[in-house]
Amino acid sequence: MGPNVIFFGWHRSLPGRESLSGAHFQDFSKYLGERQAAGDIQGFEPVLLEPNGGRVDGFFLIRGEPRKLSDLTSSPEWIQHVTRAMLHLDGTAVVRGVTGAGVGERMAIWMNAIPR
């Protein structure tokens, strides 16, 4: 199974660009809602973490079929949102991953790769 989630995370707004970050959060949420309504993604969840001393303060977890997520991340709109985020957020990260049955499949591959 291919990656069925996208982690779109960030550390914090760059100083002086907090208003841009707030506006973009709303725009990106609207964009993902439109993608969900169109059937391009199964759903998404914004997560804001409590202060933790780490490098991630929030993220969107975006769920979908592997092929549709690949199409999403290669679209001009997605690339525009990522580029925009990089201009006002510190620590922008976009990472593909697996959930559900994909975790078991990946763990089986990992377990079989361990030298015996």
Protein backbone atom coordinates (compact mmCIF):
# COMPACT_ATOMS: atom_id res chain seq x y z
CA MET A 1 0.00 0.00 0.00
CA GLY A 2 1.28 3.43 -0.89
CA PRO A 3 1.21 6.42 1.45
CA ASN A 4 -2.38 7.27 2.39
CA VAL A 5 -1.74 10.37 4.51
CA ILE A 6 0.10 13.65 4.18
CA PHE A 7 1.55 15.41 7.22
CA PHE A 8 1.77 19.15 6.47
CA GLY A 9 3.46 20.57 9.55
CA TRP A 10 5.15 23.69 10.81
CA HIS A 11 7.07 24.99 13.79
CA ARG A 12 5.86 28.58 14.11
CA SER A 13 5.06 31.74 12.20
CA LEU A 14 8.06 33.81 11.26
CA PRO A 15 8.20 36.97 13.41
CA GLY A 16 6.17 39.74 11.82
CA ARG A 17 4.31 37.32 9.53
CA GLU A 18 1.73 36.03 11.98
CA SER A 19 -1.16 37.72 10.11
CA LEU A 20 -0.08 36.04 6.89
CA SER A 21 0.00 32.69 8.69
CA GLY A 22 -3.49 33.18 10.11
CA ALA A 23 -4.94 34.12 6.72
CA HIS A 24 -3.18 31.23 5.01
CA PHE A 25 -4.45 28.77 7.63
CA GLN A 26 -8.00 29.80 6.71
CA ASP A 27 -7.29 29.68 2.96
CA PHE A 28 -5.63 26.26 3.20
CA SER A 29 -8.50 24.88 5.29
CA LYS A 30 -10.96 26.12 2.65
CA TYR A 31 -8.84 24.59 -0.14
CA LEU A 32 -8.77 21.22 1.62
CA GLY A 33 -12.52 21.39 2.21
CA GLU A 34 -13.01 21.95 -1.51
CA ARG A 35 -10.70 19.03 -2.32
CA GLN A 36 -12.69 16.83 0.06
CA ALA A 37 -16.01 17.88 -1.50
CA ALA A 38 -14.57 17.09 -4.95
CA GLY A 39 -13.49 13.61 -3.79
CA ASP A 40 -9.78 14.33 -4.20
CA ILE A 41 -9.11 13.59 -0.51
CA GLN A 42 -11.05 11.55 2.04
CA GLY A 43 -10.64 14.14 4.78
CA PHE A 44 -8.29 16.32 6.77
CA GLU A 45 -7.72 17.36 10.34
CA PRO A 46 -5.88 20.44 11.55
CA VAL A 47 -3.98 19.85 14.80
CA LEU A 48 -2.49 22.55 17.03
CA LEU A 49 -0.07 21.16 19.59
CA GLU A 50 0.39 22.58 23.05
CA PRO A 51 3.80 24.12 23.83
CA ASN A 52 6.27 21.24 23.90
CA GLY A 53 9.77 22.58 23.33
CA GLY A 54 9.89 20.68 20.03
CA ARG A 55 10.04 21.63 16.39
CA VAL A 56 6.39 20.99 15.50
CA ASP A 57 3.63 23.22 16.82
CA GLY A 58 0.89 22.26 14.39
CA PHE A 59 0.00 20.24 11.35
CA PHE A 60 -2.72 19.17 8.98
CA LEU A 61 -3.22 15.42 8.60
CA ILE A 62 -4.69 14.83 5.16
CA ARG A 63 -6.15 11.41 4.31
CA GLY A 64 -6.74 9.94 0.89
CA GLU A 65 -6.08 7.26 -1.65
CA PRO A 66 -2.38 7.03 -2.55
CA ARG A 67 -2.87 7.91 -6.24
CA LYS A 68 -5.17 10.85 -5.48
CA LEU A 69 -2.70 12.20 -2.92
CA SER A 70 0.06 12.03 -5.53
CA ASP A 71 -2.14 13.96 -7.94
CA LEU A 72 -2.92 16.49 -5.21
CA THR A 73 0.73 17.15 -4.31
CA SER A 74 1.70 17.64 -7.95
CA SER A 75 -1.08 20.16 -8.66
CA PRO A 76 -0.24 23.83 -9.17
CA GLU A 77 -2.60 24.80 -6.33
CA TRP A 78 -0.83 22.52 -3.84
CA ILE A 79 2.60 23.77 -4.90
CA GLN A 80 1.37 27.35 -4.49
CA HIS A 81 0.16 26.61 -0.93
CA VAL A 82 3.46 24.95 0.03
CA THR A 83 5.46 27.81 -1.44
CA ARG A 84 3.27 30.34 0.33
CA ALA A 85 3.70 28.51 3.64
CA MET A 86 7.48 28.51 3.27
CA LEU A 87 7.41 32.31 3.08
CA HIS A 88 5.70 32.83 6.45
CA LEU A 89 6.29 29.64 8.47
CA ASP A 90 9.43 28.32 10.10
CA GLY A 91 9.93 24.57 9.81
CA THR A 92 7.45 23.85 7.02
CA ALA A 93 7.36 20.10 6.35
CA VAL A 94 5.36 17.95 3.96
CA VAL A 95 5.75 14.22 4.62
CA ARG A 96 3.84 11.25 3.19
CA GLY A 97 2.97 8.34 5.46
CA VAL A 98 0.74 5.33 6.02
CA THR A 99 -2.07 4.57 8.46
CA GLY A 100 -4.46 1.69 8.97
CA ALA A 101 -3.58 -1.52 7.14
CA GLY A 102 -0.54 0.20 5.64
CA VAL A 103 1.13 0.26 9.06
CA GLY A 104 0.90 -3.52 9.33
CA GLU A 105 2.27 -3.96 5.82
CA ARG A 106 5.21 -1.64 6.48
CA MET A 107 5.95 -3.26 9.85
CA ALA A 108 5.97 -6.70 8.20
CA ILE A 109 8.50 -5.46 5.64
CA TRP A 110 10.60 -3.97 8.44
CA MET A 111 10.43 -7.13 10.54
CA ASN A 112 11.47 -9.27 7.55
CA ALA A 113 14.45 -6.98 6.92
CA ILE A 114 15.89 -7.40 10.43
CA PRO A 115 19.02 -9.59 10.26
CA ARG A 116 18.57 -12.88 12.09
